[in-house]
Amino acid sequence: MKLFYVYILKCSDGSYYTGITNNIDQRVMQHNEGLSHSAYTYTRRPVELMWVEMFTDPNEAIAIEKKIKGWSRRKKEALINEDWDKLIAFSKNHTQFGK
């Protein structure tokens, strides 16, 4: 059975990068080696793995990655910190509930 990992990295500038891979250790190492000059993380190294979730269904992993990429910074931090109350609160319409 092939496994897929959705992950969040914290970059040296404090920003977050969300990605998907089938080999999490190798992928984090690649980010830190800076193999692609055009990659988001290239000028933001070193990076640190902050969160990872494993999936067996590639379509589910891709859907989760896309969803997380659209999240706010504070919502990503709530996920990283496993603060489920804040994650729920930050999922509400902020125009209705405030920032």
Protein backbone atom coordinates (compact mmCIF):
# COMPACT_ATOMS: atom_id res chain seq x y z
CA MET A 1 0.00 0.00 0.00
CA LYS A 2 1.40 3.37 -1.02
CA LEU A 3 1.29 6.18 1.53
CA PHE A 4 0.95 9.91 0.92
CA TYR A 5 1.85 12.68 3.34
CA VAL A 6 0.47 16.19 3.56
CA TYR A 7 2.83 18.41 5.50
CA ILE A 8 3.40 21.95 6.74
CA LEU A 9 6.91 23.39 6.95
CA LYS A 10 7.92 26.49 8.85
CA CYS A 11 10.42 28.49 6.82
CA SER A 12 13.30 30.56 8.22
CA ASP A 13 11.32 33.75 7.53
CA GLY A 14 8.41 32.47 9.65
CA SER A 15 6.13 31.68 6.70
CA TYR A 16 4.47 28.31 6.20
CA TYR A 17 4.68 26.00 3.20
CA THR A 18 2.19 23.20 2.62
CA GLY A 19 2.98 20.27 0.36
CA ILE A 20 2.36 16.62 -0.45
CA THR A 21 4.79 13.74 -0.91
CA ASN A 22 5.11 9.98 -0.76
CA ASN A 23 8.40 10.15 1.22
CA ILE A 24 8.30 12.74 3.99
CA ASP A 25 11.90 12.38 5.20
CA GLN A 26 13.34 12.66 1.71
CA ARG A 27 11.10 15.61 0.83
CA VAL A 28 12.04 17.66 3.90
CA MET A 29 15.69 16.95 3.14
CA GLN A 30 15.16 18.12 -0.46
CA HIS A 31 13.58 21.35 0.76
CA ASN A 32 16.58 21.99 3.02
CA GLU A 33 19.10 21.13 0.30
CA GLY A 34 17.51 23.69 -2.01
CA LEU A 35 17.44 21.64 -5.21
CA SER A 36 15.26 24.07 -7.16
CA HIS A 37 16.12 27.77 -7.30
CA SER A 38 12.52 28.59 -8.22
CA ALA A 39 11.00 26.73 -5.24
CA TYR A 40 9.20 28.79 -2.57
CA THR A 41 11.41 27.37 0.16
CA TYR A 42 14.74 27.90 -1.65
CA THR A 43 15.42 31.36 -0.20
CA ARG A 44 13.64 30.53 3.06
CA ARG A 45 15.90 27.71 4.27
CA PRO A 46 16.29 26.04 6.63
CA VAL A 47 12.78 24.69 6.96
CA GLU A 48 11.31 22.75 9.87
CA LEU A 49 8.58 20.12 9.67
CA MET A 50 5.72 21.34 11.85
CA TRP A 51 2.82 19.04 10.95
CA VAL A 52 2.29 15.89 8.89
CA GLU A 53 -0.68 13.62 8.21
CA MET A 54 -0.57 10.29 6.41
CA PHE A 55 -3.12 9.16 3.78
CA THR A 56 -3.64 6.01 1.74
CA ASP A 57 -5.89 7.69 -0.83
CA PRO A 58 -3.95 10.11 -3.07
CA ASN A 59 -7.10 12.02 -4.01
CA GLU A 60 -7.92 12.65 -0.35
CA ALA A 61 -4.34 13.81 0.31
CA ILE A 62 -4.47 16.21 -2.65
CA ALA A 63 -7.82 17.60 -1.49
CA ILE A 64 -6.50 18.19 2.05
CA GLU A 65 -3.33 19.84 0.74
CA LYS A 66 -5.35 22.23 -1.42
CA LYS A 67 -7.69 23.00 1.48
CA ILE A 68 -4.85 23.79 3.89
CA LYS A 69 -3.08 25.96 1.29
CA GLY A 70 -6.16 28.18 1.31
CA TRP A 71 -6.20 28.57 5.09
CA SER A 72 -5.09 31.62 7.03
CA ARG A 73 -1.86 31.58 9.01
CA ARG A 74 -3.72 31.44 12.32
CA LYS A 75 -5.80 28.48 11.17
CA LYS A 76 -2.63 26.61 10.11
CA GLU A 77 -1.11 27.38 13.51
CA ALA A 78 -4.22 26.04 15.26
CA LEU A 79 -3.82 22.79 13.29
CA ILE A 80 -0.10 22.58 14.09
CA ASN A 81 -0.84 23.18 17.79
CA GLU A 82 -3.80 20.78 17.74
CA ASP A 83 -5.98 23.54 19.15
CA TRP A 84 -9.29 22.23 17.87
CA ASP A 85 -11.40 24.99 19.48
CA LYS A 86 -9.42 27.69 17.67
CA LEU A 87 -9.43 25.68 14.45
CA ILE A 88 -13.23 25.60 14.57
CA ALA A 89 -13.47 29.28 15.49
CA PHE A 90 -11.12 30.28 12.67
CA SER A 91 -13.19 28.22 10.25
CA LYS A 92 -16.20 30.46 10.76
CA ASN A 93 -16.94 33.36 8.47
CA HIS A 94 -14.66 36.11 9.83
CA THR A 95 -16.83 38.84 8.36
CA GLN A 96 -19.60 37.63 10.64
CA PHE A 97 -17.50 36.74 13.71
CA GLY A 98 -14.61 39.19 13.43
CA LYS A 99 -10.93 38.53 12.99
